[in-house]
């Protein structure tokens, strides 16, 4: 196959995935309170309830799946493998979607804890969580 550069879709997929990659580390139980603090709300340790920890664990794992897919895309681009570029680009987009979709559960768990977190009103938690259930149309 003739070598080619990544197309627009593959380039956008790669940039989106790279932007989401830090979620893997930020949404771990040891880091999430500090990460949320940097976003403007300091949560108490009581945030780390089992259901919330499970939700951030799922989001972190989804983001962790981006790295190998990005690597496969880069390898396909460098090899000039047009089919590999398209299939790897699609895999990157699917994993990015899974990562973004996982944020809904994190928001739902935050919203559920809203009234149980000392030092924060339910309104503050809800505003931060900005949780609105919806179905993805991707």
Protein backbone atom coordinates (compact mmCIF):
# COMPACT_ATOMS: atom_id res chain seq x y z
CA UNK A 1 0.00 0.00 0.00
CA UNK A 2 1.13 3.51 -0.66
CA UNK A 3 2.19 5.48 2.40
CA UNK A 4 -0.12 8.27 3.37
CA UNK A 5 -0.62 10.66 6.22
CA UNK A 6 -3.46 10.24 8.65
CA UNK A 7 -6.73 11.65 7.46
CA UNK A 8 -8.65 14.35 9.25
CA UNK A 9 -10.76 11.86 11.20
CA UNK A 10 -7.74 9.87 12.39
CA UNK A 11 -5.94 13.06 13.37
CA UNK A 12 -8.95 14.30 15.35
CA UNK A 13 -9.37 10.88 16.97
CA UNK A 14 -5.75 10.89 18.06
CA UNK A 15 -5.97 14.41 19.53
CA UNK A 16 -9.21 13.62 21.35
CA UNK A 17 -7.72 10.44 22.78
CA UNK A 18 -4.55 12.22 23.86
CA UNK A 19 -6.66 14.83 25.64
CA UNK A 20 -8.56 12.09 27.49
CA UNK A 21 -5.50 10.03 28.45
CA UNK A 22 -4.79 11.89 31.73
CA UNK A 23 -8.19 10.78 33.03
CA UNK A 24 -6.61 7.40 33.75
CA UNK A 25 -4.47 8.87 36.52
CA UNK A 26 -6.75 11.66 37.65
CA UNK A 27 -9.74 9.45 38.35
CA UNK A 28 -8.01 7.07 40.70
CA UNK A 29 -9.02 7.02 44.35
CA UNK A 30 -5.64 8.41 45.45
CA UNK A 31 -5.88 11.37 43.06
CA UNK A 32 -9.53 12.23 42.50
CA UNK A 33 -10.04 14.55 45.48
CA UNK A 34 -7.02 16.65 44.48
CA UNK A 35 -8.06 16.58 40.82
CA UNK A 36 -11.57 17.77 41.67
CA UNK A 37 -10.04 20.44 43.92
CA UNK A 38 -8.12 21.77 40.93
CA UNK A 39 -11.46 22.01 39.15
CA UNK A 40 -12.86 24.17 41.94
CA UNK A 41 -14.51 21.98 44.59
CA UNK A 42 -12.66 20.43 47.51
CA UNK A 43 -14.39 17.20 48.42
CA UNK A 44 -14.01 15.49 51.80
CA UNK A 45 -12.59 11.97 52.10
CA UNK A 46 -16.19 10.72 52.48
CA UNK A 47 -16.44 11.08 48.71
CA UNK A 48 -14.63 7.78 48.35
CA UNK A 49 -17.71 5.61 48.82
CA UNK A 50 -17.59 2.18 47.12
CA UNK A 51 -20.03 3.03 44.31
CA UNK A 52 -18.18 6.25 43.51
CA UNK A 53 -14.81 4.49 43.60
CA UNK A 54 -16.20 1.85 41.23
CA UNK A 55 -17.42 4.57 38.84
CA UNK A 56 -14.10 6.40 38.77
CA UNK A 57 -12.32 3.05 38.42
CA UNK A 58 -14.36 2.29 35.31
CA UNK A 59 -13.62 5.73 33.87
CA UNK A 60 -9.93 5.36 34.65
CA UNK A 61 -9.85 1.93 33.02
CA UNK A 62 -11.62 3.24 29.93
CA UNK A 63 -9.06 6.03 29.63
CA UNK A 64 -6.29 3.48 30.19
CA UNK A 65 -7.48 1.66 27.09
CA UNK A 66 -6.67 4.67 24.93
CA UNK A 67 -2.88 4.28 25.02
CA UNK A 68 -2.60 0.98 23.17
CA UNK A 69 -5.12 2.12 20.58
CA UNK A 70 -3.26 5.37 19.99
CA UNK A 71 -0.01 3.40 19.66
CA UNK A 72 -1.63 1.11 17.07
CA UNK A 73 -2.86 4.13 15.12
CA UNK A 74 0.56 5.76 15.14
CA UNK A 75 2.19 2.49 14.05
CA UNK A 76 -0.29 2.12 11.17
CA UNK A 77 0.34 5.71 10.07
CA UNK A 78 4.10 5.25 10.18
CA UNK A 79 3.83 1.98 8.26
CA UNK A 80 1.63 3.53 5.59
CA UNK A 81 -1.00 0.91 6.33
CA UNK A 82 -4.19 2.56 5.07
CA UNK A 83 -6.48 -0.21 6.33
CA UNK A 84 -4.71 -0.18 9.68
CA UNK A 85 -5.06 3.59 9.89
CA UNK A 86 -8.80 3.38 9.35
CA UNK A 87 -9.38 0.44 11.69
CA UNK A 88 -7.07 1.85 14.37
CA UNK A 89 -8.66 5.27 14.03
CA UNK A 90 -12.07 3.70 14.56
CA UNK A 91 -10.80 1.79 17.62
CA UNK A 92 -9.44 5.05 19.07
CA UNK A 93 -12.79 6.76 18.55
CA UNK A 94 -14.69 3.87 20.11
CA UNK A 95 -12.45 3.90 23.18
CA UNK A 96 -12.73 7.69 23.45
CA UNK A 97 -16.51 7.30 23.35
CA UNK A 98 -16.38 4.65 26.09
CA UNK A 99 -14.26 7.00 28.19
CA UNK A 100 -16.61 9.93 27.71
CA UNK A 101 -19.66 7.74 28.35
CA UNK A 102 -18.13 6.61 31.65
CA UNK A 103 -18.30 10.20 32.91
CA UNK A 104 -22.09 9.86 33.11
CA UNK A 105 -21.76 7.22 35.81
CA UNK A 106 -19.20 9.33 37.69
CA UNK A 107 -21.64 12.25 37.61
CA UNK A 108 -24.51 10.04 38.71
CA UNK A 109 -22.52 8.76 41.68
CA UNK A 110 -21.50 12.29 42.63
CA UNK A 111 -25.11 13.43 42.44
CA UNK A 112 -26.19 10.47 44.58
CA UNK A 113 -23.70 11.47 47.29
CA UNK A 114 -24.70 15.11 47.20
CA UNK A 115 -26.53 15.19 50.51
CA UNK A 116 -24.06 12.97 52.34
CA UNK A 117 -20.84 14.94 52.00
CA UNK A 118 -19.87 17.12 54.97
CA UNK A 119 -18.98 20.69 54.15
CA UNK A 120 -20.75 20.70 50.80
CA UNK A 121 -24.37 21.40 50.05
CA UNK A 122 -26.26 19.11 47.69
CA UNK A 123 -26.54 22.07 45.30
CA UNK A 124 -22.75 22.51 45.23
CA UNK A 125 -22.22 18.84 44.50
CA UNK A 126 -24.95 18.77 41.86
CA UNK A 127 -23.53 21.87 40.21
CA UNK A 128 -20.07 20.31 40.09
CA UNK A 129 -21.39 16.95 38.91
CA UNK A 130 -23.56 18.64 36.31
CA UNK A 131 -25.27 15.31 36.02
CA UNK A 132 -28.10 15.01 33.58
CA UNK A 133 -28.93 11.50 32.43
CA UNK A 134 -29.02 11.17 28.69
CA UNK A 135 -28.55 8.59 26.04
CA UNK A 136 -25.55 8.99 23.83
CA UNK A 137 -26.42 9.17 20.16
CA UNK A 138 -22.96 8.30 18.89
